[in-house]
Amino acid sequence: MKKIKTHINGLFVIKNPVFKDERGLFIESWNKSKFDHKGLNDNFNQDNISFSKKNVIRGLHFQNQPYGQTKFVRVLQGKVIDIAVDIRKKSKTFGEHFSIELSEKNNEALWIPSGFAHGFLTLEKNNVFIYKCSGTYNPSEEHTIKWDDPDIGIKWNIKNPVVSKKDQQGLSLKKYKDSKLINA
């Protein structure tokens, strides 16, 4: 397993070995002792699977503290552009985002610590996205940063995405910063 730093502290790309032969492939996607050895330790207590059609944007989601969640995300089928935005109000990289293509072909994953808003854009006809979450899901503390906020400047490269009503009504980064919401 390789842990690759990004330009944002605490956010890592994970590359697991892929074993291929004439039958298909095998990937050890999660091994607690190996992740602990790399300093990536959190108490995951929930796995989620998202099925999405092409051109769907989900996010940018986060939970207010003390319900913040670390996420470990990967694509099992299809391809997505995955986005993590640093919304830790005291962070040197507050408001900066990291973008990566995750796919069934590259088998890469992303470790997203608590204190980030997270979202993704689906690029294939059928996409299966899986993620481990720490903490407890609390719908009353779940919030959204607007996916197309110009202050964040994410280049989604899509004209008419499919976006839920909730995600269309997300907070701007400025409103989030001025709010009493705390994410780290």
N, C-alpha and C. Protein backbone atom coordinates (compact mmCIF):
# COMPACT_ATOMS: atom_id res chain seq x y z
N MET A 1 0.83 -1.18 0.00
CA MET A 1 0.00 0.00 0.00
C MET A 1 0.88 1.25 0.00
N LYS A 2 0.54 2.19 -0.88
CA LYS A 2 1.27 3.46 -0.93
C LYS A 2 0.36 4.58 -0.44
N LYS A 3 0.90 5.45 0.39
CA LYS A 3 0.21 6.64 0.90
C LYS A 3 0.91 7.84 0.26
N ILE A 4 0.18 8.59 -0.56
CA ILE A 4 0.76 9.69 -1.33
C ILE A 4 0.20 11.01 -0.82
N LYS A 5 1.09 11.90 -0.40
CA LYS A 5 0.67 13.21 0.10
C LYS A 5 0.08 14.05 -1.02
N THR A 6 -0.86 14.91 -0.65
CA THR A 6 -1.38 15.93 -1.56
C THR A 6 -0.88 17.27 -1.04
N HIS A 7 -1.26 18.36 -1.69
CA HIS A 7 -0.84 19.69 -1.23
C HIS A 7 -1.61 20.15 0.01
N ILE A 8 -2.60 19.36 0.45
CA ILE A 8 -3.40 19.72 1.61
C ILE A 8 -3.09 18.75 2.75
N ASN A 9 -2.70 19.28 3.88
CA ASN A 9 -2.31 18.48 5.03
C ASN A 9 -3.42 17.51 5.46
N GLY A 10 -3.06 16.24 5.59
CA GLY A 10 -3.97 15.22 6.07
C GLY A 10 -4.76 14.50 4.98
N LEU A 11 -4.70 14.99 3.76
CA LEU A 11 -5.44 14.40 2.63
C LEU A 11 -4.47 13.56 1.80
N PHE A 12 -4.80 12.27 1.60
CA PHE A 12 -3.87 11.36 0.94
C PHE A 12 -4.54 10.54 -0.16
N VAL A 13 -3.79 10.29 -1.21
CA VAL A 13 -4.17 9.33 -2.24
C VAL A 13 -3.60 7.98 -1.79
N ILE A 14 -4.42 6.94 -1.92
CA ILE A 14 -4.00 5.60 -1.52
C ILE A 14 -3.96 4.71 -2.76
N LYS A 15 -2.84 4.00 -2.92
CA LYS A 15 -2.70 3.03 -4.00
C LYS A 15 -2.46 1.67 -3.38
N ASN A 16 -3.41 0.77 -3.58
CA ASN A 16 -3.29 -0.60 -3.10
C ASN A 16 -2.77 -1.48 -4.23
N PRO A 17 -1.98 -2.50 -3.90
CA PRO A 17 -1.54 -3.42 -4.94
C PRO A 17 -2.72 -4.12 -5.60
N VAL A 18 -2.62 -4.30 -6.90
CA VAL A 18 -3.63 -5.00 -7.68
C VAL A 18 -2.98 -6.27 -8.22
N PHE A 19 -3.61 -7.41 -7.94
CA PHE A 19 -3.11 -8.69 -8.40
C PHE A 19 -4.03 -9.19 -9.51
N LYS A 20 -3.46 -9.28 -10.74
CA LYS A 20 -4.25 -9.68 -11.91
C LYS A 20 -3.74 -10.98 -12.47
N ASP A 21 -4.66 -11.78 -12.96
CA ASP A 21 -4.32 -12.98 -13.74
C ASP A 21 -5.47 -13.26 -14.70
N GLU A 22 -5.45 -14.44 -15.32
CA GLU A 22 -6.46 -14.76 -16.32
C GLU A 22 -7.88 -14.82 -15.75
N ARG A 23 -8.04 -14.94 -14.44
CA ARG A 23 -9.36 -15.02 -13.81
C ARG A 23 -9.97 -13.65 -13.54
N GLY A 24 -9.12 -12.62 -13.45
CA GLY A 24 -9.59 -11.28 -13.08
C GLY A 24 -8.57 -10.59 -12.20
N LEU A 25 -9.04 -9.97 -11.14
CA LEU A 25 -8.10 -9.27 -10.26
C LEU A 25 -8.53 -9.37 -8.81
N PHE A 26 -7.57 -9.06 -7.93
CA PHE A 26 -7.80 -9.05 -6.49
C PHE A 26 -7.14 -7.81 -5.92
N ILE A 27 -7.87 -7.10 -5.05
CA ILE A 27 -7.35 -5.93 -4.36
C ILE A 27 -7.72 -6.04 -2.89
N GLU A 28 -6.75 -5.88 -2.02
CA GLU A 28 -7.05 -5.76 -0.60
C GLU A 28 -7.34 -4.28 -0.36
N SER A 29 -8.62 -3.93 -0.29
CA SER A 29 -8.99 -2.51 -0.23
C SER A 29 -8.85 -1.92 1.17
N TRP A 30 -8.95 -2.75 2.21
CA TRP A 30 -8.85 -2.22 3.57
C TRP A 30 -8.21 -3.27 4.46
N ASN A 31 -7.15 -2.86 5.14
CA ASN A 31 -6.49 -3.70 6.13
C ASN A 31 -6.09 -2.77 7.27
N LYS A 32 -6.82 -2.84 8.37
CA LYS A 32 -6.63 -1.90 9.47
C LYS A 32 -5.18 -1.82 9.94
N SER A 33 -4.51 -2.95 10.10
CA SER A 33 -3.14 -2.90 10.60
C SER A 33 -2.20 -2.20 9.62
N LYS A 34 -2.39 -2.41 8.32
CA LYS A 34 -1.54 -1.72 7.33
C LYS A 34 -1.81 -0.22 7.32
N PHE A 35 -3.08 0.18 7.43
CA PHE A 35 -3.41 1.60 7.47
C PHE A 35 -2.89 2.23 8.77
N ASP A 36 -3.03 1.53 9.89
CA ASP A 36 -2.50 2.03 11.16
C ASP A 36 -0.99 2.25 11.06
N HIS A 37 -0.30 1.29 10.43
CA HIS A 37 1.15 1.39 10.26
C HIS A 37 1.55 2.64 9.46
N LYS A 38 0.69 3.05 8.54
CA LYS A 38 0.95 4.25 7.72
C LYS A 38 0.44 5.53 8.39
N GLY A 39 -0.05 5.41 9.63
CA GLY A 39 -0.55 6.59 10.34
C GLY A 39 -1.95 7.00 9.93
N LEU A 40 -2.65 6.13 9.25
CA LEU A 40 -4.02 6.40 8.82
C LEU A 40 -4.95 5.56 9.69
N ASN A 41 -5.22 6.09 10.86
CA ASN A 41 -6.06 5.31 11.77
C ASN A 41 -7.27 6.13 12.18
N ASP A 42 -8.39 5.53 11.98
CA ASP A 42 -9.66 6.11 12.38
C ASP A 42 -10.60 4.95 12.66
N ASN A 43 -11.62 5.22 13.40
CA ASN A 43 -12.58 4.18 13.73
C ASN A 43 -13.75 4.25 12.77
N PHE A 44 -13.63 3.53 11.66
CA PHE A 44 -14.72 3.49 10.70
C PHE A 44 -15.83 2.60 11.26
N ASN A 45 -17.05 3.10 11.18
CA ASN A 45 -18.17 2.32 11.69
C ASN A 45 -19.32 2.23 10.70
N GLN A 46 -19.08 2.68 9.47
CA GLN A 46 -20.15 2.64 8.48
C GLN A 46 -19.53 2.56 7.09
N ASP A 47 -20.10 1.71 6.23
CA ASP A 47 -19.75 1.66 4.81
C ASP A 47 -20.97 2.10 4.03
N ASN A 48 -20.77 2.95 3.03
CA ASN A 48 -21.85 3.41 2.16
C ASN A 48 -21.51 3.07 0.72
N ILE A 49 -22.55 2.77 -0.05
CA ILE A 49 -22.39 2.55 -1.49
C ILE A 49 -23.36 3.48 -2.20
N SER A 50 -22.84 4.19 -3.19
CA SER A 50 -23.65 5.11 -3.98
C SER A 50 -23.67 4.61 -5.42
N PHE A 51 -24.86 4.50 -5.99
CA PHE A 51 -25.03 4.17 -7.40
C PHE A 51 -25.49 5.46 -8.09
N SER A 52 -24.79 5.88 -9.13
CA SER A 52 -25.15 7.11 -9.82
C SER A 52 -25.00 6.96 -11.32
N LYS A 53 -25.91 7.60 -12.04
CA LYS A 53 -25.83 7.66 -13.50
C LYS A 53 -24.79 8.69 -13.92
N LYS A 54 -24.57 8.82 -15.21
CA LYS A 54 -23.59 9.76 -15.74
C LYS A 54 -24.02 11.20 -15.49
N ASN A 55 -23.02 12.07 -15.26
CA ASN A 55 -23.18 13.52 -15.09
C ASN A 55 -23.89 13.94 -13.81
N VAL A 56 -23.82 13.10 -12.79
CA VAL A 56 -24.39 13.43 -11.49
C VAL A 56 -23.29 14.05 -10.62
N ILE A 57 -23.63 15.16 -9.98
CA ILE A 57 -22.75 15.74 -8.96
C ILE A 57 -23.41 15.52 -7.61
N ARG A 58 -22.66 14.94 -6.70
CA ARG A 58 -23.09 14.79 -5.31
C ARG A 58 -22.12 15.57 -4.44
N GLY A 59 -22.66 16.44 -3.60
CA GLY A 59 -21.79 17.19 -2.69
C GLY A 59 -21.87 18.67 -2.94
N LEU A 60 -21.15 19.32 -2.20
CA LEU A 60 -20.02 19.05 -1.33
C LEU A 60 -20.52 18.92 0.11
N HIS A 61 -20.49 17.72 0.67
CA HIS A 61 -21.12 17.42 1.95
C HIS A 61 -20.13 17.40 3.10
N PHE A 62 -20.62 17.76 4.28
CA PHE A 62 -19.87 17.62 5.52
C PHE A 62 -20.84 17.61 6.68
N GLN A 63 -20.34 17.20 7.84
CA GLN A 63 -21.13 17.25 9.07
C GLN A 63 -20.45 18.18 10.06
N ASN A 64 -21.27 18.98 10.75
CA ASN A 64 -20.78 19.87 11.79
C ASN A 64 -20.24 19.05 12.97
N GLN A 65 -19.22 19.58 13.63
CA GLN A 65 -18.68 18.90 14.82
C GLN A 65 -19.71 18.93 15.94
N PRO A 66 -19.75 17.94 16.76
CA PRO A 66 -18.78 16.86 16.91
C PRO A 66 -19.06 15.65 16.02
N TYR A 67 -19.79 15.84 14.93
CA TYR A 67 -20.18 14.74 14.07
C TYR A 67 -19.36 14.66 12.78
N GLY A 68 -18.23 15.36 12.73
CA GLY A 68 -17.37 15.30 11.54
C GLY A 68 -16.95 13.87 11.23
N GLN A 69 -16.74 13.60 9.96
CA GLN A 69 -16.42 12.23 9.55
C GLN A 69 -15.16 12.18 8.68
N THR A 70 -14.31 11.23 8.98
CA THR A 70 -13.24 10.86 8.07
C THR A 70 -13.86 9.91 7.06
N LYS A 71 -13.44 10.03 5.79
CA LYS A 71 -13.95 9.15 4.74
C LYS A 71 -12.79 8.53 3.97
N PHE A 72 -12.98 7.28 3.59
CA PHE A 72 -12.04 6.57 2.73
C PHE A 72 -12.85 6.12 1.53
N VAL A 73 -12.58 6.71 0.34
CA VAL A 73 -13.46 6.56 -0.82
C VAL A 73 -12.75 5.90 -2.00
N ARG A 74 -13.55 5.13 -2.78
CA ARG A 74 -13.03 4.51 -4.00
C ARG A 74 -14.19 4.19 -4.93
N VAL A 75 -13.87 3.93 -6.19
CA VAL A 75 -14.86 3.57 -7.20
C VAL A 75 -14.71 2.08 -7.51
N LEU A 76 -15.83 1.37 -7.45
CA LEU A 76 -15.84 -0.04 -7.81
C LEU A 76 -16.19 -0.26 -9.27
N GLN A 77 -17.03 0.63 -9.82
CA GLN A 77 -17.44 0.55 -11.22
C GLN A 77 -17.59 1.96 -11.75
N GLY A 78 -17.06 2.21 -12.94
CA GLY A 78 -17.19 3.52 -13.55
C GLY A 78 -16.00 4.41 -13.28
N LYS A 79 -16.28 5.71 -13.30
CA LYS A 79 -15.21 6.70 -13.16
C LYS A 79 -15.83 7.98 -12.61
N VAL A 80 -15.15 8.62 -11.65
CA VAL A 80 -15.62 9.88 -11.08
C VAL A 80 -14.46 10.86 -10.96
N ILE A 81 -14.82 12.13 -10.92
CA ILE A 81 -13.90 13.16 -10.46
C ILE A 81 -14.28 13.39 -9.01
N ASP A 82 -13.36 13.08 -8.10
CA ASP A 82 -13.61 13.20 -6.67
C ASP A 82 -12.98 14.49 -6.17
N ILE A 83 -13.71 15.20 -5.32
CA ILE A 83 -13.29 16.51 -4.84
C ILE A 83 -13.32 16.54 -3.33
N ALA A 84 -12.26 17.05 -2.71
CA ALA A 84 -12.21 17.31 -1.28
C ALA A 84 -11.83 18.78 -1.10
N VAL A 85 -12.61 19.51 -0.30
CA VAL A 85 -12.37 20.92 -0.05
C VAL A 85 -12.03 21.10 1.44
N ASP A 86 -10.91 21.73 1.71
CA ASP A 86 -10.50 21.99 3.09
C ASP A 86 -11.38 23.09 3.67
N ILE A 87 -12.22 22.73 4.65
CA ILE A 87 -13.07 23.74 5.29
C ILE A 87 -12.74 23.88 6.78
N ARG A 88 -11.50 23.54 7.14
CA ARG A 88 -11.02 23.75 8.51
C ARG A 88 -10.70 25.23 8.62
N LYS A 89 -11.49 25.95 9.39
CA LYS A 89 -11.41 27.41 9.41
C LYS A 89 -10.04 27.95 9.80
N LYS A 90 -9.25 27.20 10.55
CA LYS A 90 -7.92 27.66 10.96
C LYS A 90 -6.80 27.09 10.10
N SER A 91 -7.14 26.38 9.07
CA SER A 91 -6.14 25.74 8.21
C SER A 91 -5.50 26.75 7.26
N LYS A 92 -4.21 26.56 6.99
CA LYS A 92 -3.50 27.40 6.01
C LYS A 92 -4.05 27.20 4.60
N THR A 93 -4.70 26.06 4.37
CA THR A 93 -5.23 25.76 3.04
C THR A 93 -6.76 25.85 3.01
N PHE A 94 -7.34 26.60 3.95
CA PHE A 94 -8.80 26.76 3.98
C PHE A 94 -9.31 27.20 2.61
N GLY A 95 -10.35 26.53 2.13
CA GLY A 95 -10.97 26.88 0.85
C GLY A 95 -10.32 26.25 -0.36
N GLU A 96 -9.15 25.64 -0.18
CA GLU A 96 -8.49 24.98 -1.32
C GLU A 96 -9.10 23.61 -1.53
N HIS A 97 -9.05 23.15 -2.77
CA HIS A 97 -9.61 21.84 -3.07
C HIS A 97 -8.58 20.96 -3.77
N PHE A 98 -8.84 19.68 -3.68
CA PHE A 98 -8.05 18.67 -4.36
C PHE A 98 -8.99 17.86 -5.22
N SER A 99 -8.57 17.59 -6.43
CA SER A 99 -9.38 16.85 -7.39
C SER A 99 -8.58 15.66 -7.90
N ILE A 100 -9.26 14.51 -8.02
CA ILE A 100 -8.60 13.31 -8.53
C ILE A 100 -9.62 12.46 -9.28
N GLU A 101 -9.17 11.82 -10.34
CA GLU A 101 -10.02 10.86 -11.03
C GLU A 101 -9.86 9.51 -10.35
N LEU A 102 -10.97 8.97 -9.87
CA LEU A 102 -11.00 7.63 -9.30
C LEU A 102 -11.79 6.75 -10.25
N SER A 103 -11.28 5.56 -10.51
CA SER A 103 -11.98 4.67 -11.45
C SER A 103 -11.73 3.22 -11.12
N GLU A 104 -12.53 2.38 -11.72
CA GLU A 104 -12.33 0.94 -11.58
C GLU A 104 -11.03 0.52 -12.25
N LYS A 105 -10.53 1.33 -13.17
CA LYS A 105 -9.30 0.98 -13.89
C LYS A 105 -8.05 1.36 -13.10
N ASN A 106 -8.04 2.55 -12.46
CA ASN A 106 -6.82 2.96 -11.75
C ASN A 106 -6.79 2.46 -10.30
N ASN A 107 -7.93 2.02 -9.77
CA ASN A 107 -8.00 1.44 -8.42
C ASN A 107 -7.37 2.31 -7.34
N GLU A 108 -7.38 3.62 -7.53
CA GLU A 108 -6.89 4.53 -6.50
C GLU A 108 -8.02 4.87 -5.55
N ALA A 109 -7.65 5.35 -4.38
CA ALA A 109 -8.63 5.73 -3.37
C ALA A 109 -8.16 7.04 -2.73
N LEU A 110 -9.05 7.67 -1.97
CA LEU A 110 -8.73 8.94 -1.33
C LEU A 110 -9.09 8.86 0.15
N TRP A 111 -8.14 9.27 1.00
CA TRP A 111 -8.34 9.37 2.44
C TRP A 111 -8.67 10.83 2.74
N ILE A 112 -9.89 11.07 3.22
CA ILE A 112 -10.37 12.43 3.47
C ILE A 112 -10.64 12.59 4.96
N PRO A 113 -9.81 13.36 5.66
CA PRO A 113 -10.03 13.50 7.10
C PRO A 113 -11.22 14.40 7.42
N SER A 114 -11.68 14.30 8.64
CA SER A 114 -12.71 15.21 9.11
C SER A 114 -12.21 16.64 8.91
N GLY A 115 -13.11 17.54 8.56
CA GLY A 115 -12.71 18.91 8.30
C GLY A 115 -12.71 19.26 6.82
N PHE A 116 -13.23 18.34 6.01
CA PHE A 116 -13.31 18.55 4.57
C PHE A 116 -14.75 18.39 4.11
N ALA A 117 -15.12 19.18 3.10
CA ALA A 117 -16.36 18.93 2.37
C ALA A 117 -15.99 18.01 1.22
N HIS A 118 -16.89 17.09 0.88
CA HIS A 118 -16.57 16.09 -0.12
C HIS A 118 -17.69 15.97 -1.15
N GLY A 119 -17.29 15.76 -2.40
CA GLY A 119 -18.26 15.54 -3.47
C GLY A 119 -17.61 14.87 -4.65
N PHE A 120 -18.44 14.51 -5.63
CA PHE A 120 -17.89 13.89 -6.83
C PHE A 120 -18.84 14.07 -8.01
N LEU A 121 -18.26 13.98 -9.21
CA LEU A 121 -18.96 14.02 -10.49
C LEU A 121 -18.77 12.67 -11.17
N THR A 122 -19.87 12.05 -11.59
CA THR A 122 -19.79 10.76 -12.27
C THR A 122 -19.55 10.97 -13.76
N LEU A 123 -18.70 10.13 -14.33
CA LEU A 123 -18.29 10.30 -15.73
C LEU A 123 -18.73 9.16 -16.65
N GLU A 124 -19.26 8.08 -16.11
CA GLU A 124 -19.66 6.93 -16.92
C GLU A 124 -21.17 6.71 -16.80
N LYS A 125 -21.67 5.82 -17.61
CA LYS A 125 -23.11 5.54 -17.61
C LYS A 125 -23.59 5.00 -16.26
N ASN A 126 -22.82 4.09 -15.66
CA ASN A 126 -23.14 3.51 -14.35
C ASN A 126 -21.91 3.59 -13.46
N ASN A 127 -22.08 4.14 -12.27
CA ASN A 127 -20.97 4.34 -11.35
C ASN A 127 -21.34 3.80 -9.98
N VAL A 128 -20.42 3.03 -9.41
CA VAL A 128 -20.60 2.50 -8.06
C VAL A 128 -19.44 3.03 -7.22
N PHE A 129 -19.81 3.78 -6.21
CA PHE A 129 -18.86 4.49 -5.36
C PHE A 129 -19.02 3.94 -3.94
N ILE A 130 -17.93 3.56 -3.30
CA ILE A 130 -18.01 3.03 -1.94
C ILE A 130 -17.13 3.87 -1.02
N TYR A 131 -17.64 4.09 0.19
CA TYR A 131 -16.82 4.84 1.14
C TYR A 131 -17.09 4.40 2.57
N LYS A 132 -15.97 4.35 3.31
CA LYS A 132 -16.02 4.08 4.74
C LYS A 132 -16.13 5.43 5.44
N CYS A 133 -16.88 5.46 6.54
CA CYS A 133 -17.05 6.69 7.31
C CYS A 133 -16.80 6.43 8.78
N SER A 134 -16.13 7.37 9.42
CA SER A 134 -16.01 7.34 10.87
C SER A 134 -17.16 8.17 11.44
N GLY A 135 -17.27 8.16 12.74
CA GLY A 135 -18.29 8.98 13.37
C GLY A 135 -19.69 8.44 13.11
N THR A 136 -20.64 9.20 13.54
CA THR A 136 -22.04 8.81 13.42
C THR A 136 -22.75 9.76 12.47
N TYR A 137 -23.50 9.21 11.55
CA TYR A 137 -24.29 10.05 10.65
C TYR A 137 -25.38 10.75 11.46
N ASN A 138 -25.44 12.06 11.31
CA ASN A 138 -26.44 12.85 12.02
C ASN A 138 -27.07 13.82 11.03
N PRO A 139 -28.25 13.51 10.50
CA PRO A 139 -28.86 14.34 9.45
C PRO A 139 -29.05 15.80 9.85
N SER A 140 -29.26 16.08 11.13
CA SER A 140 -29.46 17.47 11.54
C SER A 140 -28.15 18.27 11.53
N GLU A 141 -27.01 17.58 11.45
CA GLU A 141 -25.70 18.25 11.40
C GLU A 141 -25.04 18.12 10.03
N GLU A 142 -25.77 17.58 9.06
CA GLU A 142 -25.23 17.45 7.70
C GLU A 142 -25.48 18.76 6.95
N HIS A 143 -24.44 19.23 6.27
CA HIS A 143 -24.53 20.50 5.54
C HIS A 143 -23.86 20.34 4.18
N THR A 144 -24.08 21.33 3.34
CA THR A 144 -23.54 21.31 1.98
C THR A 144 -22.91 22.65 1.65
N ILE A 145 -21.72 22.61 1.09
CA ILE A 145 -21.10 23.78 0.47
C ILE A 145 -21.49 23.72 -1.00
N LYS A 146 -21.88 24.85 -1.55
CA LYS A 146 -22.36 24.89 -2.94
C LYS A 146 -21.28 24.36 -3.89
N TRP A 147 -21.68 23.42 -4.70
CA TRP A 147 -20.75 22.71 -5.60
C TRP A 147 -20.09 23.62 -6.62
N ASP A 148 -20.76 24.71 -7.00
CA ASP A 148 -20.21 25.60 -8.03
C ASP A 148 -19.82 26.97 -7.48
N ASP A 149 -19.48 27.03 -6.19
CA ASP A 149 -19.08 28.29 -5.57
C ASP A 149 -17.83 28.83 -6.29
N PRO A 150 -17.90 30.04 -6.84
CA PRO A 150 -16.74 30.58 -7.57
C PRO A 150 -15.54 30.84 -6.66
N ASP A 151 -15.76 31.01 -5.36
CA ASP A 151 -14.63 31.22 -4.46
C ASP A 151 -13.78 29.96 -4.29
N ILE A 152 -14.37 28.81 -4.54
CA ILE A 152 -13.60 27.56 -4.50
C ILE A 152 -12.97 27.30 -5.86
N GLY A 153 -13.71 27.55 -6.93
CA GLY A 153 -13.17 27.47 -8.28
C GLY A 153 -12.94 26.07 -8.82
N ILE A 154 -13.80 25.14 -8.48
CA ILE A 154 -13.66 23.78 -9.01
C ILE A 154 -14.03 23.78 -10.49
N LYS A 155 -13.17 23.19 -11.30
CA LYS A 155 -13.42 23.05 -12.74
C LYS A 155 -14.09 21.70 -12.98
N TRP A 156 -15.41 21.69 -12.94
CA TRP A 156 -16.15 20.45 -13.13
C TRP A 156 -16.18 20.02 -14.60
N ASN A 157 -16.02 20.97 -15.51
CA ASN A 157 -16.03 20.68 -16.96
C ASN A 157 -17.29 19.95 -17.41
N ILE A 158 -18.44 20.47 -16.98
CA ILE A 158 -19.72 19.92 -17.39
C ILE A 158 -20.72 21.07 -17.46
N LYS A 159 -21.59 21.04 -18.45
CA LYS A 159 -22.54 22.15 -18.63
C LYS A 159 -23.83 21.97 -17.85
N ASN A 160 -24.44 20.81 -17.89
CA ASN A 160 -25.74 20.60 -17.25
C ASN A 160 -25.73 19.37 -16.36
N PRO A 161 -25.05 19.45 -15.20
CA PRO A 161 -25.02 18.27 -14.33
C PRO A 161 -26.37 18.02 -13.67
N VAL A 162 -26.55 16.80 -13.21
CA VAL A 162 -27.72 16.44 -12.42
C VAL A 162 -27.32 16.65 -10.96
N VAL A 163 -28.02 17.60 -10.30
CA VAL A 163 -27.67 17.98 -8.93
C VAL A 163 -28.96 18.00 -8.11
N SER A 164 -28.93 17.43 -6.93
CA SER A 164 -30.12 17.42 -6.07
C SER A 164 -30.48 18.83 -5.63
N LYS A 165 -31.73 19.01 -5.24
CA LYS A 165 -32.19 20.31 -4.75
C LYS A 165 -31.38 20.73 -3.52
N LYS A 166 -31.11 19.79 -2.63
CA LYS A 166 -30.33 20.09 -1.42
C LYS A 166 -28.94 20.62 -1.79
N ASP A 167 -28.29 19.97 -2.76
CA ASP A 167 -26.94 20.39 -3.14
C ASP A 167 -26.95 21.71 -3.91
N GLN A 168 -28.02 22.01 -4.63
CA GLN A 168 -28.14 23.30 -5.32
C GLN A 168 -28.25 24.45 -4.32
N GLN A 169 -28.76 24.16 -3.13
CA GLN A 169 -29.00 25.20 -2.13
C GLN A 169 -27.91 25.25 -1.06
N GLY A 170 -26.74 24.70 -1.36
CA GLY A 170 -25.65 24.69 -0.39
C GLY A 170 -25.17 26.09 -0.03
N LEU A 171 -24.42 26.15 1.06
CA LEU A 171 -23.81 27.41 1.52
C LEU A 171 -22.66 27.81 0.61
N SER A 172 -22.44 29.09 0.47
CA SER A 172 -21.21 29.55 -0.16
C SER A 172 -20.09 29.35 0.85
N LEU A 173 -18.86 29.30 0.39
CA LEU A 173 -17.71 29.18 1.28
C LEU A 173 -17.66 30.37 2.24
N LYS A 174 -17.98 31.56 1.74
CA LYS A 174 -17.97 32.76 2.59
C LYS A 174 -19.00 32.65 3.70
N LYS A 175 -20.22 32.21 3.36
CA LYS A 175 -21.26 32.06 4.39
C LYS A 175 -20.87 31.00 5.40
N TYR A 176 -20.25 29.92 4.91
CA TYR A 176 -19.77 28.90 5.84
C TYR A 176 -18.73 29.48 6.79
N LYS A 177 -17.77 30.22 6.25
CA LYS A 177 -16.70 30.77 7.08
C LYS A 177 -17.26 31.72 8.14
N ASP A 178 -18.29 32.49 7.78
CA ASP A 178 -18.89 33.44 8.71
C ASP A 178 -19.89 32.78 9.66
N SER A 179 -20.22 31.50 9.44
CA SER A 179 -21.23 30.82 10.25
C SER A 179 -20.60 30.30 11.55
N LYS A 180 -21.47 29.77 12.38
CA LYS A 180 -21.02 29.14 13.62
C LYS A 180 -20.77 27.65 13.44
N LEU A 181 -20.91 27.18 12.21
CA LEU A 181 -20.64 25.77 11.94
C LEU A 181 -19.15 25.52 12.13
N ILE A 182 -18.82 24.41 12.73
CA ILE A 182 -17.42 24.07 13.00
C ILE A 182 -17.16 22.68 12.44
N ASN A 183 -16.14 22.58 11.59
CA ASN A 183 -15.84 21.28 11.01
C ASN A 183 -14.51 20.72 11.45
N ALA A 184 -13.71 21.42 12.16
CA ALA A 184 -12.47 20.85 12.69
C ALA A 184 -11.91 21.76 13.75
